[in-house]
Amino acid sequence: MKPSTTIALSAQSVFKSYGGNEALHGVSFDVRKGEIFSLLGKNGAGKTTFIRIATGQLLPTSGTVIVSGHDVVSNADSVRELISLVPQDARVIKSSSALEFVQLYLALCGHSLADSRRRAFEGLNAVGIGSFAGVACNRLSGGNRHKLLLACAISSNAPILFLDEPTVGLDAQSRRELWKTLAGLRRKGRTIVLTTHYMDEAEVLSDRVAVIHNGVVAAIGSPQQIIAGTGFELRLDVDASAAAGLRAPKGVERFEFGQKIRFVGAVREVEALAKRAVSMHLPISVARANLEDAFVKLTGETAATGEKPTGTASEKGAGDGRGGNGRG
């Protein structure tokens, strides 16, 4: 198949079953070259299963995934030359130095010794741990070990990067530094497919996202399109202990998150509700609706825990892409 000039990855009707359990049910979408594309979903939604299929680690039950014109099943060797992966459960070699670890990774990818050393330094500097090049991996903090794995992927110069929850375990500052690094790679034309439970991360970084729920693509589009597709514009937060007398009018969704009640809907309705709350002398906060609100609407669950918030949810389907066929 001749590679597309605009599409880095194309998934068509991908199914994956484990015995009687169906992890993916007809997943279809395209990833464009040079974009950051995020897969969102609760634990067990099928995100990592898709990453493993797309990187040639797992065979689909049916369907196809094409990476730059190469089928991941029938032409796996060609696909491996085009991609770099940081999996969720990757480990480092504790006895090697950070520099040696990246060099070894690059040598296994086919780079010469001199090229591996140069690229390794560049990768370590790109993720902010160049000063730790000579430090043994077992002396690095957990966050810096994670950065080390990212340095391997970045330094490989592969045009397509797969990052499975790349910022888990990083502090807030390190997360934002990594965001800058990934945005810089996109500006250089790299394609990045990532999974994350952090909705703020997906909203800031992603050109487009796909929400996967119970193995089906529930929505696909830019973060703004996903939010708009739910009809959400504004949100109102009230302490649960003070919100007993506040009722959601028609068209406004009400969700309970621990000690907080959130009302989300169109501007007019939420502003009217906020005025009512003020008249009741309730402490409130008002902000624009975000990707987390849309995610809860689409899945009925929070991304990180998979717990169902109390409240109403959810019609499926938003954005500009193709939803998966089947259940959901």
Protein backbone atom coordinates (compact mmCIF):
# COMPACT_ATOMS: atom_id res chain seq x y z
CA MET A 1 0.00 0.00 0.00
CA LYS A 2 1.30 3.45 -0.93
CA PRO A 3 1.83 5.57 2.21
CA SER A 4 -0.59 8.48 2.64
CA THR A 5 0.95 11.94 2.61
CA THR A 6 -1.29 13.03 5.47
CA ILE A 7 -2.19 9.91 7.51
CA ALA A 8 0.34 8.37 9.91
CA LEU A 9 -1.94 5.64 11.25
CA SER A 10 -5.27 4.26 10.11
CA ALA A 11 -7.33 1.81 12.18
CA GLN A 12 -10.26 0.10 10.50
CA SER A 13 -12.84 -1.98 12.41
CA VAL A 14 -10.36 -3.32 14.96
CA PHE A 15 -11.73 -6.02 17.25
CA LYS A 16 -9.84 -7.76 20.04
CA SER A 17 -11.28 -10.50 22.25
CA TYR A 18 -9.73 -12.39 25.16
CA GLY A 19 -11.84 -15.50 25.48
CA GLY A 20 -15.33 -14.19 26.07
CA ASN A 21 -14.19 -10.66 26.91
CA GLU A 22 -14.14 -8.10 24.11
CA ALA A 23 -11.52 -5.41 24.71
CA LEU A 24 -12.02 -3.58 21.39
CA HIS A 25 -15.23 -3.54 19.38
CA GLY A 26 -14.89 -2.15 15.86
CA VAL A 27 -12.47 0.69 16.61
CA SER A 28 -11.86 2.95 13.60
CA PHE A 29 -9.98 6.25 13.35
CA ASP A 30 -7.09 7.96 11.57
CA VAL A 31 -4.09 9.74 13.11
CA ARG A 32 -2.74 12.55 10.99
CA LYS A 33 0.95 13.10 10.43
CA GLY A 34 2.48 15.68 12.73
CA GLU A 35 -0.31 15.74 15.31
CA ILE A 36 -0.58 14.77 18.95
CA PHE A 37 -3.44 12.30 19.20
CA SER A 38 -4.63 11.19 22.64
CA LEU A 39 -6.56 8.06 23.54
CA LEU A 40 -8.76 8.68 26.57
CA GLY A 41 -10.71 6.19 28.63
CA LYS A 42 -11.08 4.69 32.07
CA ASN A 43 -8.85 1.81 33.18
CA GLY A 44 -9.74 -1.23 31.08
CA ALA A 45 -11.39 0.79 28.29
CA GLY A 46 -9.06 -0.67 25.63
CA LYS A 47 -6.45 2.07 25.23
CA THR A 48 -3.37 -0.01 26.00
CA THR A 49 -4.76 -2.94 24.02
CA PHE A 50 -4.95 -0.68 20.97
CA ILE A 51 -1.40 0.63 21.53
CA ARG A 52 -0.10 -2.96 21.72
CA ILE A 53 -1.85 -3.86 18.46
CA ALA A 54 -0.65 -0.72 16.69
CA THR A 55 2.97 -1.39 17.71
CA GLY A 56 2.94 -5.05 16.66
CA GLN A 57 2.98 -6.59 20.15
CA LEU A 58 -0.52 -8.05 19.94
CA LEU A 59 -2.56 -9.49 17.09
CA PRO A 60 -6.07 -8.13 16.55
CA THR A 61 -8.92 -10.60 16.43
CA SER A 62 -10.00 -8.85 13.22
CA GLY A 63 -9.59 -5.50 11.49
CA THR A 64 -6.49 -3.67 10.30
CA VAL A 65 -4.05 -1.06 11.53
CA ILE A 66 -1.89 0.61 8.89
CA VAL A 67 1.16 2.65 9.92
CA SER A 68 2.59 4.84 7.15
CA GLY A 69 1.32 2.41 4.53
CA HIS A 70 2.46 -0.75 6.32
CA ASP A 71 0.11 -3.31 7.86
CA VAL A 72 1.16 -3.95 11.48
CA VAL A 73 0.48 -7.69 11.09
CA SER A 74 1.80 -8.57 7.63
CA ASN A 75 4.62 -6.01 7.56
CA ALA A 76 5.59 -5.73 11.21
CA ASP A 77 9.34 -5.30 10.57
CA SER A 78 8.75 -2.19 8.46
CA VAL A 79 6.43 -0.77 11.10
CA ARG A 80 9.04 -1.23 13.85
CA GLU A 81 11.49 0.93 11.87
CA LEU A 82 8.99 3.80 11.91
CA ILE A 83 7.90 3.81 15.54
CA SER A 84 9.20 4.17 19.06
CA LEU A 85 7.25 3.08 22.13
CA VAL A 86 7.30 3.89 25.83
CA PRO A 87 5.00 1.27 27.34
CA GLN A 88 3.16 1.58 30.63
CA ASP A 89 5.24 -1.11 32.34
CA ALA A 90 8.72 -0.35 30.96
CA ARG A 91 11.74 -0.92 33.21
CA VAL A 92 15.32 0.36 33.22
CA ILE A 93 18.59 -1.57 33.62
CA LYS A 94 19.50 -0.48 37.12
CA SER A 95 23.24 -1.19 36.86
CA SER A 96 23.82 0.98 33.78
CA SER A 97 24.21 4.74 33.71
CA ALA A 98 21.46 6.85 32.19
CA LEU A 99 23.63 7.54 29.14
CA GLU A 100 24.55 3.88 28.71
CA PHE A 101 20.91 2.85 28.92
CA VAL A 102 19.83 5.19 26.11
CA GLN A 103 22.88 4.26 24.04
CA LEU A 104 22.04 0.56 24.36
CA TYR A 105 18.45 1.24 23.29
CA LEU A 106 19.65 3.14 20.22
CA ALA A 107 22.23 0.48 19.35
CA LEU A 108 19.46 -2.13 19.40
CA CYS A 109 17.56 0.15 17.02
CA GLY A 110 20.48 -0.05 14.61
CA HIS A 111 22.33 3.21 15.28
CA SER A 112 26.16 3.32 15.24
CA LEU A 113 28.11 3.78 18.49
CA ALA A 114 28.99 7.40 17.73
CA ASP A 115 25.49 8.24 16.59
CA SER A 116 23.99 6.52 19.63
CA ARG A 117 26.13 8.57 22.01
CA ARG A 118 25.23 11.87 20.32
CA ARG A 119 21.53 11.06 20.17
CA ALA A 120 21.55 9.81 23.77
CA PHE A 121 22.90 13.12 25.04
CA GLU A 122 20.30 14.99 22.97
CA GLY A 123 17.47 12.83 24.32
CA LEU A 124 18.57 13.19 27.95
CA ASN A 125 18.83 16.97 27.58
CA ALA A 126 15.43 17.12 25.86
CA VAL A 127 13.70 15.63 28.93
CA GLY A 128 15.74 17.67 31.40
CA ILE A 129 18.08 15.03 32.83
CA GLY A 130 21.25 15.68 30.86
CA SER A 131 23.09 16.36 34.13
CA PHE A 132 22.31 12.79 35.22
CA ALA A 133 23.97 11.15 32.20
CA GLY A 134 26.63 9.44 34.32
CA VAL A 135 24.34 8.48 37.19
CA ALA A 136 23.39 4.82 37.64
CA CYS A 137 19.75 4.13 36.82
CA ASN A 138 19.16 2.65 40.29
CA ARG A 139 20.09 6.02 41.81
CA LEU A 140 17.58 7.99 39.77
CA SER A 141 14.27 9.01 41.27
CA GLY A 142 11.12 7.36 39.96
CA GLY A 143 10.24 10.47 37.97
CA ASN A 144 13.70 10.64 36.39
CA ARG A 145 13.57 6.95 35.48
CA HIS A 146 10.36 7.70 33.61
CA LYS A 147 12.06 10.61 31.85
CA LEU A 148 14.89 8.25 30.92
CA LEU A 149 12.44 5.98 29.09
CA LEU A 150 11.03 8.99 27.28
CA ALA A 151 14.57 10.02 26.31
CA CYS A 152 14.96 6.68 24.53
CA ALA A 153 11.83 7.25 22.45
CA ILE A 154 12.69 10.85 21.65
CA SER A 155 16.32 10.17 20.70
CA SER A 156 15.42 7.36 18.30
CA ASN A 157 14.24 9.89 15.72
CA ALA A 158 11.34 7.59 14.80
CA PRO A 159 8.63 9.62 13.02
CA ILE A 160 5.84 8.11 15.14
CA LEU A 161 5.97 7.92 18.95
CA PHE A 162 3.61 5.84 21.08
CA LEU A 163 3.56 6.99 24.70
CA ASP A 164 1.40 4.99 27.11
CA GLU A 165 0.68 7.27 30.11
CA PRO A 166 3.98 9.16 29.74
CA THR A 167 3.57 11.50 32.73
CA VAL A 168 2.45 9.04 35.42
CA GLY A 169 4.61 9.56 38.50
CA LEU A 170 5.91 12.98 37.44
CA ASP A 171 5.43 16.05 39.60
CA ALA A 172 3.48 19.02 38.24
CA GLN A 173 6.57 20.93 37.09
CA SER A 174 8.05 17.89 35.35
CA ARG A 175 4.74 17.20 33.63
CA ARG A 176 4.67 20.71 32.18
CA GLU A 177 8.30 20.48 31.09
CA LEU A 178 7.45 17.28 29.27
CA TRP A 179 4.46 18.97 27.62
CA LYS A 180 6.85 21.57 26.19
CA THR A 181 9.13 18.80 24.92
CA LEU A 182 6.27 16.96 23.21
CA ALA A 183 4.95 20.19 21.68
CA GLY A 184 8.44 20.85 20.33
CA LEU A 185 8.58 17.39 18.75
CA ARG A 186 5.23 18.04 17.08
CA ARG A 187 6.55 21.32 15.65
CA LYS A 188 9.38 19.29 14.13
CA GLY A 189 6.87 17.02 12.39
CA ARG A 190 6.84 14.03 14.74
CA THR A 191 3.54 12.22 15.22
CA ILE A 192 2.65 11.35 18.82
CA VAL A 193 0.01 8.89 19.96
CA LEU A 194 -0.43 8.94 23.72
CA THR A 195 -2.74 7.64 26.40
CA THR A 196 -3.40 9.61 29.55
CA HIS A 197 -5.77 9.81 32.50
CA TYR A 198 -5.02 13.51 32.93
CA MET A 199 -7.77 15.47 31.16
CA ASP A 200 -5.90 18.78 31.52
CA GLU A 201 -2.91 17.19 29.80
CA ALA A 202 -5.01 15.92 26.90
CA GLU A 203 -6.75 19.28 26.54
CA VAL A 204 -3.51 21.27 26.48
CA LEU A 205 -1.44 18.94 24.29
CA SER A 206 -3.78 17.24 21.86
CA ASP A 207 -4.70 18.27 18.37
CA ARG A 208 -7.39 15.58 18.55
CA VAL A 209 -8.56 12.96 21.01
CA ALA A 210 -10.55 9.74 20.84
CA VAL A 211 -12.65 8.76 23.84
CA ILE A 212 -12.80 4.97 24.13
CA HIS A 213 -15.53 3.53 26.32
CA ASN A 214 -16.05 -0.21 26.75
CA GLY A 215 -13.94 -0.91 23.66
CA VAL A 216 -15.87 1.49 21.40
CA VAL A 217 -14.92 4.95 20.10
CA ALA A 218 -17.50 7.13 21.85
CA ALA A 219 -16.27 10.43 20.38
CA ILE A 220 -13.40 11.79 18.31
CA GLY A 221 -12.28 15.30 17.45
CA SER A 222 -10.36 18.23 18.88
CA PRO A 223 -10.82 18.80 22.62
CA GLN A 224 -12.99 21.80 21.78
CA GLN A 225 -15.14 19.72 19.43
CA ILE A 226 -15.57 17.00 22.05
CA ILE A 227 -16.71 19.56 24.62
CA ALA A 228 -19.03 21.31 22.14
CA GLY A 229 -20.52 17.97 21.11
CA THR A 230 -21.84 17.47 24.63
CA GLY A 231 -23.52 20.88 24.66
CA PHE A 232 -21.47 21.92 27.68
CA GLU A 233 -20.26 25.52 27.90
CA LEU A 234 -20.06 26.47 31.56
CA ARG A 235 -19.77 24.71 34.91
CA LEU A 236 -20.76 25.68 38.43
CA ASP A 237 -19.18 24.04 41.50
CA VAL A 238 -20.86 24.10 44.92
CA ASP A 239 -19.88 22.36 48.16
CA ALA A 240 -22.05 19.27 48.53
CA SER A 241 -22.88 20.16 52.14
CA ALA A 242 -24.42 23.47 51.03
CA ALA A 243 -26.11 22.45 47.78
CA ALA A 244 -29.10 20.48 49.07
CA GLY A 245 -31.62 23.09 47.97
CA LEU A 246 -30.07 23.74 44.56
CA ARG A 247 -31.75 21.84 41.73
CA ALA A 248 -30.47 21.43 38.17
CA PRO A 249 -32.87 22.97 35.62
CA LYS A 250 -33.66 21.25 32.34
CA GLY A 251 -30.58 20.98 30.14
CA VAL A 252 -28.09 21.18 33.03
CA GLU A 253 -26.28 18.05 34.19
CA ARG A 254 -25.57 17.50 37.88
CA PHE A 255 -22.60 15.40 39.02
CA GLU A 256 -21.32 14.66 42.50
CA PHE A 257 -17.59 14.30 43.08
CA GLY A 258 -16.93 13.58 46.74
CA GLN A 259 -17.52 16.85 48.60
CA LYS A 260 -18.35 18.82 45.46
CA ILE A 261 -21.50 19.14 43.34
CA ARG A 262 -20.92 20.20 39.74
CA PHE A 263 -23.58 21.59 37.42
CA VAL A 264 -22.64 21.73 33.73
CA GLY A 265 -24.57 23.05 30.74
CA ALA A 266 -25.14 26.00 28.41
CA VAL A 267 -24.06 29.47 29.54
CA ARG A 268 -27.54 30.90 30.00
CA GLU A 269 -28.84 28.07 32.19
CA VAL A 270 -25.70 27.78 34.32
CA GLU A 271 -25.48 31.55 34.86
CA ALA A 272 -29.11 31.55 36.01
CA LEU A 273 -28.33 28.72 38.41
CA ALA A 274 -25.28 30.61 39.70
CA LYS A 275 -27.43 33.66 40.45
CA ARG A 276 -29.84 31.45 42.37
CA ALA A 277 -26.93 29.98 44.36
CA VAL A 278 -25.65 33.47 45.19
CA SER A 279 -29.12 34.48 46.36
CA MET A 280 -28.98 31.47 48.70
CA HIS A 281 -25.59 32.72 49.99
CA LEU A 282 -23.79 29.61 48.75
CA PRO A 283 -20.03 29.73 48.05
CA ILE A 284 -19.58 28.91 44.36
CA SER A 285 -16.99 28.79 41.60
CA VAL A 286 -17.79 29.18 37.90
CA ALA A 287 -15.54 28.21 34.97
CA ARG A 288 -15.83 27.16 31.38
CA ALA A 289 -16.66 23.51 30.77
CA ASN A 290 -13.58 21.42 30.07
CA LEU A 291 -12.60 18.05 28.65
CA GLU A 292 -13.08 16.31 31.99
CA ASP A 293 -16.73 17.40 32.04
CA ALA A 294 -17.22 16.09 28.51
CA PHE A 295 -15.48 12.82 29.39
CA VAL A 296 -17.83 12.21 32.32
CA LYS A 297 -20.80 13.00 30.08
CA LEU A 298 -19.65 10.52 27.43
CA THR A 299 -18.66 7.68 29.72
CA GLY A 300 -20.47 8.28 32.99
CA GLU A 301 -17.15 7.72 34.75
CA THR A 302 -14.03 9.55 35.89
CA ALA A 303 -10.91 8.81 33.83
CA ALA A 304 -8.44 7.97 36.58
CA THR A 305 -10.54 5.66 38.73
CA GLY A 306 -13.38 4.47 36.55
CA GLU A 307 -15.75 5.38 39.38
CA LYS A 308 -19.22 6.54 38.44
CA PRO A 309 -20.06 10.04 39.69
CA THR A 310 -23.54 10.53 41.07
CA GLY A 311 -25.74 12.24 38.50
CA THR A 312 -27.03 11.91 35.00
CA ALA A 313 -24.99 10.83 32.00
CA SER A 314 -24.63 10.20 29.08
CA GLU A 315 -25.42 10.31 25.39
CA LYS A 316 -22.54 9.25 23.18
CA GLY A 317 -21.10 10.80 20.04
CA ALA A 318 -19.35 14.09 19.51
CA GLY A 319 -16.66 15.60 17.35
CA ASP A 320 -15.78 15.27 13.73
CA GLY A 321 -14.70 11.64 13.38
CA ARG A 322 -16.05 8.15 13.00
CA GLY A 323 -17.48 6.31 15.95
CA GLY A 324 -16.93 2.58 16.35
CA ASN A 325 -19.76 0.30 15.39
CA GLY A 326 -21.29 -1.99 17.96
CA ARG A 327 -22.26 -1.65 21.54
CA GLY A 328 -22.31 1.72 23.31
